[in-house]
Amino acid sequence: MDLSNARWRTSTRSTSAGGECVEVADNLPGVVAVRDSKDPAGPVLAFEPSAWQAFVSHAKRH
């Protein structure tokens, strides 16, 4: 997976205190990439956009 054009962002609910956070890149064609903000060179999870949207919708309801 080529992540060279990924535009990573953190949640608007994240704080600058350095807590547990993930970064999401949803600008890539056909994939949403997720990584640990404390380890940007570490592993990346990849989701189909529809699966990521279903996850986000579920999380917003709970």
PDB file of N, CA and C in Angstrom:
ATOM      1  N   MET A   1       0.861  -1.174   0.000  1.00  0.00           N
ATOM      2  CA  MET A   1       0.000   0.000   0.000  1.00  0.00           C
ATOM      3  C   MET A   1       0.904   1.233   0.000  1.00  0.00           C
ATOM      4  N   ASP A   2       0.683   2.121  -0.936  1.00  0.00           N
ATOM      5  CA  ASP A   2       1.463   3.351  -1.051  1.00  0.00           C
ATOM      6  C   ASP A   2       0.819   4.444  -0.197  1.00  0.00           C
ATOM      7  N   LEU A   3       1.517   4.866   0.854  1.00  0.00           N
ATOM      8  CA  LEU A   3       0.999   5.893   1.753  1.00  0.00           C
ATOM      9  C   LEU A   3       1.711   7.233   1.571  1.00  0.00           C
ATOM     10  N   SER A   4       2.495   7.356   0.498  1.00  0.00           N
ATOM     11  CA  SER A   4       3.275   8.583   0.315  1.00  0.00           C
ATOM     12  C   SER A   4       2.406   9.833   0.153  1.00  0.00           C
ATOM     13  N   ASN A   5       1.181   9.682  -0.315  1.00  0.00           N
ATOM     14  CA  ASN A   5       0.284  10.833  -0.475  1.00  0.00           C
ATOM     15  C   ASN A   5      -0.758  10.942   0.634  1.00  0.00           C
ATOM     16  N   ALA A   6      -0.600  10.122   1.669  1.00  0.00           N
ATOM     17  CA  ALA A   6      -1.574  10.136   2.763  1.00  0.00           C
ATOM     18  C   ALA A   6      -1.530  11.474   3.498  1.00  0.00           C
ATOM     19  N   ARG A   7      -2.704  12.022   3.753  1.00  0.00           N
ATOM     20  CA  ARG A   7      -2.829  13.224   4.585  1.00  0.00           C
ATOM     21  C   ARG A   7      -3.410  12.765   5.915  1.00  0.00           C
ATOM     22  N   TRP A   8      -2.557  12.643   6.903  1.00  0.00           N
ATOM     23  CA  TRP A   8      -2.946  12.136   8.213  1.00  0.00           C
ATOM     24  C   TRP A   8      -3.592  13.228   9.043  1.00  0.00           C
ATOM     25  N   ARG A   9      -4.628  12.853   9.784  1.00  0.00           N
ATOM     26  CA  ARG A   9      -5.287  13.797  10.692  1.00  0.00           C
ATOM     27  C   ARG A   9      -5.678  13.069  11.957  1.00  0.00           C
ATOM     28  N   THR A  10      -5.789  13.811  13.030  1.00  0.00           N
ATOM     29  CA  THR A  10      -6.246  13.235  14.293  1.00  0.00           C
ATOM     30  C   THR A  10      -7.667  13.706  14.558  1.00  0.00           C
ATOM     31  N   SER A  11      -8.303  13.063  15.482  1.00  0.00           N
ATOM     32  CA  SER A  11      -9.664  13.420  15.857  1.00  0.00           C
ATOM     33  C   SER A  11      -9.711  14.837  16.421  1.00  0.00           C
ATOM     34  N   THR A  12     -10.800  15.515  16.182  1.00  0.00           N
ATOM     35  CA  THR A  12     -10.981  16.842  16.771  1.00  0.00           C
ATOM     36  C   THR A  12     -11.133  16.742  18.278  1.00  0.00           C
ATOM     37  N   ARG A  13     -11.387  15.543  18.786  1.00  0.00           N
ATOM     38  CA  ARG A  13     -11.492  15.330  20.236  1.00  0.00           C
ATOM     39  C   ARG A  13     -10.141  15.023  20.873  1.00  0.00           C
ATOM     40  N   SER A  14      -9.097  14.920  20.072  1.00  0.00           N
ATOM     41  CA  SER A  14      -7.767  14.660  20.608  1.00  0.00           C
ATOM     42  C   SER A  14      -7.244  15.905  21.310  1.00  0.00           C
ATOM     43  N   THR A  15      -6.403  15.673  22.289  1.00  0.00           N
ATOM     44  CA  THR A  15      -5.789  16.796  22.994  1.00  0.00           C
ATOM     45  C   THR A  15      -4.306  16.830  22.664  1.00  0.00           C
ATOM     46  N   SER A  16      -3.666  17.903  23.013  1.00  0.00           N
ATOM     47  CA  SER A  16      -2.228  18.013  22.796  1.00  0.00           C
ATOM     48  C   SER A  16      -1.447  17.427  23.963  1.00  0.00           C
ATOM     49  N   ALA A  17      -2.126  16.771  24.908  1.00  0.00           N
ATOM     50  CA  ALA A  17      -1.469  16.219  26.089  1.00  0.00           C
ATOM     51  C   ALA A  17      -0.715  14.926  25.793  1.00  0.00           C
ATOM     52  N   GLY A  18      -0.785  14.429  24.572  1.00  0.00           N
ATOM     53  CA  GLY A  18      -0.037  13.238  24.196  1.00  0.00           C
ATOM     54  C   GLY A  18      -0.674  11.928  24.618  1.00  0.00           C
ATOM     55  N   GLY A  19      -1.976  11.920  24.726  1.00  0.00           N
ATOM     56  CA  GLY A  19      -2.675  10.704  25.135  1.00  0.00           C
ATOM     57  C   GLY A  19      -2.779   9.696  24.020  1.00  0.00           C
ATOM     58  N   GLU A  20      -3.573   8.687  24.256  1.00  0.00           N
ATOM     59  CA  GLU A  20      -3.800   7.638  23.275  1.00  0.00           C
ATOM     60  C   GLU A  20      -4.620   8.196  22.120  1.00  0.00           C
ATOM     61  N   CYS A  21      -4.089   8.111  20.925  1.00  0.00           N
ATOM     62  CA  CYS A  21      -4.782   8.685  19.782  1.00  0.00           C
ATOM     63  C   CYS A  21      -4.409   7.928  18.511  1.00  0.00           C
ATOM     64  N   VAL A  22      -5.295   7.982  17.551  1.00  0.00           N
ATOM     65  CA  VAL A  22      -5.006   7.426  16.242  1.00  0.00           C
ATOM     66  C   VAL A  22      -5.060   8.545  15.212  1.00  0.00           C
ATOM     67  N   GLU A  23      -4.407   8.299  14.095  1.00  0.00           N
ATOM     68  CA  GLU A  23      -4.466   9.205  12.957  1.00  0.00           C
ATOM     69  C   GLU A  23      -5.122   8.456  11.808  1.00  0.00           C
ATOM     70  N   VAL A  24      -5.876   9.187  11.023  1.00  0.00           N
ATOM     71  CA  VAL A  24      -6.603   8.594   9.906  1.00  0.00           C
ATOM     72  C   VAL A  24      -6.236   9.339   8.626  1.00  0.00           C
ATOM     73  N   ALA A  25      -6.038   8.582   7.575  1.00  0.00           N
ATOM     74  CA  ALA A  25      -5.839   9.155   6.239  1.00  0.00           C
ATOM     75  C   ALA A  25      -6.974   8.617   5.375  1.00  0.00           C
ATOM     76  N   ASP A  26      -7.919   9.493   5.025  1.00  0.00           N
ATOM     77  CA  ASP A  26      -9.064   9.049   4.219  1.00  0.00           C
ATOM     78  C   ASP A  26      -9.074   9.705   2.847  1.00  0.00           C
ATOM     79  N   ASN A  27      -7.919  10.170   2.420  1.00  0.00           N
ATOM     80  CA  ASN A  27      -7.825  10.801   1.105  1.00  0.00           C
ATOM     81  C   ASN A  27      -7.273   9.856   0.034  1.00  0.00           C
ATOM     82  N   LEU A  28      -7.022   8.617   0.383  1.00  0.00           N
ATOM     83  CA  LEU A  28      -6.437   7.669  -0.564  1.00  0.00           C
ATOM     84  C   LEU A  28      -7.539   6.925  -1.320  1.00  0.00           C
ATOM     85  N   PRO A  29      -7.330   6.627  -2.587  1.00  0.00           N
ATOM     86  CA  PRO A  29      -8.369   5.943  -3.364  1.00  0.00           C
ATOM     87  C   PRO A  29      -8.597   4.513  -2.875  1.00  0.00           C
ATOM     88  N   GLY A  30      -9.837   4.233  -2.461  1.00  0.00           N
ATOM     89  CA  GLY A  30     -10.243   2.884  -2.124  1.00  0.00           C
ATOM     90  C   GLY A  30      -9.799   2.350  -0.780  1.00  0.00           C
ATOM     91  N   VAL A  31      -9.205   3.183   0.060  1.00  0.00           N
ATOM     92  CA  VAL A  31      -8.724   2.700   1.350  1.00  0.00           C
ATOM     93  C   VAL A  31      -8.727   3.828   2.375  1.00  0.00           C
ATOM     94  N   VAL A  32      -8.988   3.473   3.627  1.00  0.00           N
ATOM     95  CA  VAL A  32      -8.830   4.391   4.752  1.00  0.00           C
ATOM     96  C   VAL A  32      -7.735   3.780   5.616  1.00  0.00           C
ATOM     97  N   ALA A  33      -6.668   4.534   5.853  1.00  0.00           N
ATOM     98  CA  ALA A  33      -5.533   4.059   6.635  1.00  0.00           C
ATOM     99  C   ALA A  33      -5.600   4.637   8.042  1.00  0.00           C
ATOM    100  N   VAL A  34      -5.225   3.817   9.033  1.00  0.00           N
ATOM    101  CA  VAL A  34      -5.267   4.221  10.434  1.00  0.00           C
ATOM    102  C   VAL A  34      -3.950   3.816  11.079  1.00  0.00           C
ATOM    103  N   ARG A  35      -3.376   4.731  11.872  1.00  0.00           N
ATOM    104  CA  ARG A  35      -2.126   4.419  12.568  1.00  0.00           C
ATOM    105  C   ARG A  35      -2.114   5.047  13.956  1.00  0.00           C
ATOM    106  N   ASP A  36      -1.190   4.605  14.777  1.00  0.00           N
ATOM    107  CA  ASP A  36      -0.988   5.135  16.125  1.00  0.00           C
ATOM    108  C   ASP A  36      -0.236   6.462  16.004  1.00  0.00           C
ATOM    109  N   SER A  37      -0.781   7.520  16.565  1.00  0.00           N
ATOM    110  CA  SER A  37      -0.151   8.830  16.441  1.00  0.00           C
ATOM    111  C   SER A  37       1.206   8.888  17.139  1.00  0.00           C
ATOM    112  N   LYS A  38       1.432   8.030  18.118  1.00  0.00           N
ATOM    113  CA  LYS A  38       2.712   8.021  18.821  1.00  0.00           C
ATOM    114  C   LYS A  38       3.780   7.228  18.073  1.00  0.00           C
ATOM    115  N   ASP A  39       3.393   6.496  17.044  1.00  0.00           N
ATOM    116  CA  ASP A  39       4.319   5.665  16.278  1.00  0.00           C
ATOM    117  C   ASP A  39       4.021   5.791  14.786  1.00  0.00           C
ATOM    118  N   PRO A  40       4.239   6.979  14.217  1.00  0.00           N
ATOM    119  CA  PRO A  40       3.865   7.184  12.816  1.00  0.00           C
ATOM    120  C   PRO A  40       4.617   6.301  11.818  1.00  0.00           C
ATOM    121  N   ALA A  41       5.758   5.758  12.216  1.00  0.00           N
ATOM    122  CA  ALA A  41       6.489   4.858  11.323  1.00  0.00           C
ATOM    123  C   ALA A  41       6.091   3.400  11.551  1.00  0.00           C
ATOM    124  N   GLY A  42       5.195   3.162  12.481  1.00  0.00           N
ATOM    125  CA  GLY A  42       4.781   1.807  12.826  1.00  0.00           C
ATOM    126  C   GLY A  42       3.740   1.259  11.874  1.00  0.00           C
ATOM    127  N   PRO A  43       3.093   0.183  12.292  1.00  0.00           N
ATOM    128  CA  PRO A  43       2.117  -0.479  11.429  1.00  0.00           C
ATOM    129  C   PRO A  43       0.891   0.382  11.139  1.00  0.00           C
ATOM    130  N   VAL A  44       0.276   0.105  10.014  1.00  0.00           N
ATOM    131  CA  VAL A  44      -0.919   0.823   9.564  1.00  0.00           C
ATOM    132  C   VAL A  44      -2.017  -0.201   9.303  1.00  0.00           C
ATOM    133  N   LEU A  45      -3.211   0.095   9.795  1.00  0.00           N
ATOM    134  CA  LEU A  45      -4.381  -0.721   9.473  1.00  0.00           C
ATOM    135  C   LEU A  45      -5.062  -0.115   8.257  1.00  0.00           C
ATOM    136  N   ALA A  46      -5.562  -0.953   7.372  1.00  0.00           N
ATOM    137  CA  ALA A  46      -6.234  -0.474   6.162  1.00  0.00           C
ATOM    138  C   ALA A  46      -7.655  -1.019   6.132  1.00  0.00           C
ATOM    139  N   PHE A  47      -8.611  -0.139   5.844  1.00  0.00           N
ATOM    140  CA  PHE A  47     -10.024  -0.502   5.795  1.00  0.00           C
ATOM    141  C   PHE A  47     -10.625  -0.067   4.466  1.00  0.00           C
ATOM    142  N   GLU A  48     -11.600  -0.822   3.997  1.00  0.00           N
ATOM    143  CA  GLU A  48     -12.387  -0.344   2.866  1.00  0.00           C
ATOM    144  C   GLU A  48     -13.187   0.850   3.364  1.00  0.00           C
ATOM    145  N   PRO A  49     -13.388   1.873   2.539  1.00  0.00           N
ATOM    146  CA  PRO A  49     -14.120   3.061   2.992  1.00  0.00           C
ATOM    147  C   PRO A  49     -15.491   2.744   3.583  1.00  0.00           C
ATOM    148  N   SER A  50     -16.210   1.788   3.025  1.00  0.00           N
ATOM    149  CA  SER A  50     -17.538   1.471   3.560  1.00  0.00           C
ATOM    150  C   SER A  50     -17.440   0.861   4.961  1.00  0.00           C
ATOM    151  N   ALA A  51     -16.430   0.042   5.209  1.00  0.00           N
ATOM    152  CA  ALA A  51     -16.236  -0.541   6.539  1.00  0.00           C
ATOM    153  C   ALA A  51     -15.861   0.533   7.545  1.00  0.00           C
ATOM    154  N   TRP A  52     -15.001   1.466   7.144  1.00  0.00           N
ATOM    155  CA  TRP A  52     -14.616   2.556   8.043  1.00  0.00           C
ATOM    156  C   TRP A  52     -15.824   3.433   8.373  1.00  0.00           C
ATOM    157  N   GLN A  53     -16.638   3.744   7.378  1.00  0.00           N
ATOM    158  CA  GLN A  53     -17.825   4.569   7.607  1.00  0.00           C
ATOM    159  C   GLN A  53     -18.792   3.870   8.547  1.00  0.00           C
ATOM    160  N   ALA A  54     -18.958   2.564   8.392  1.00  0.00           N
ATOM    161  CA  ALA A  54     -19.833   1.811   9.295  1.00  0.00           C
ATOM    162  C   ALA A  54     -19.302   1.870  10.723  1.00  0.00           C
ATOM    163  N   PHE A  55     -17.996   1.741  10.899  1.00  0.00           N
ATOM    164  CA  PHE A  55     -17.385   1.831  12.223  1.00  0.00           C
ATOM    165  C   PHE A  55     -17.617   3.208  12.842  1.00  0.00           C
ATOM    166  N   VAL A  56     -17.355   4.254  12.080  1.00  0.00           N
ATOM    167  CA  VAL A  56     -17.523   5.633  12.589  1.00  0.00           C
ATOM    168  C   VAL A  56     -18.986   5.882  12.946  1.00  0.00           C
ATOM    169  N   SER A  57     -19.902   5.456  12.109  1.00  0.00           N
ATOM    170  CA  SER A  57     -21.333   5.651  12.393  1.00  0.00           C
ATOM    171  C   SER A  57     -21.723   4.932  13.682  1.00  0.00           C
ATOM    172  N   HIS A  58     -21.244   3.720  13.860  1.00  0.00           N
ATOM    173  CA  HIS A  58     -21.541   2.963  15.078  1.00  0.00           C
ATOM    174  C   HIS A  58     -20.941   3.658  16.303  1.00  0.00           C
ATOM    175  N   ALA A  59     -19.701   4.112  16.193  1.00  0.00           N
ATOM    176  CA  ALA A  59     -19.041   4.777  17.321  1.00  0.00           C
ATOM    177  C   ALA A  59     -19.772   6.064  17.716  1.00  0.00           C
ATOM    178  N   LYS A  60     -20.289   6.791  16.755  1.00  0.00           N
ATOM    179  CA  LYS A  60     -21.009   8.034  17.061  1.00  0.00           C
ATOM    180  C   LYS A  60     -22.307   7.771  17.811  1.00  0.00           C
ATOM    181  N   ARG A  61     -22.899   6.607  17.586  1.00  0.00           N
ATOM    182  CA  ARG A  61     -24.166   6.276  18.252  1.00  0.00           C
ATOM    183  C   ARG A  61     -23.967   5.774  19.670  1.00  0.00           C
ATOM    184  N   HIS A  62     -22.731   5.399  20.035  1.00  0.00           N
ATOM    185  CA  HIS A  62     -22.497   4.784  21.352  1.00  0.00           C
ATOM    186  C   HIS A  62     -21.527   5.554  22.189  1.00  0.00           C
TER     187      HIS A  62
END
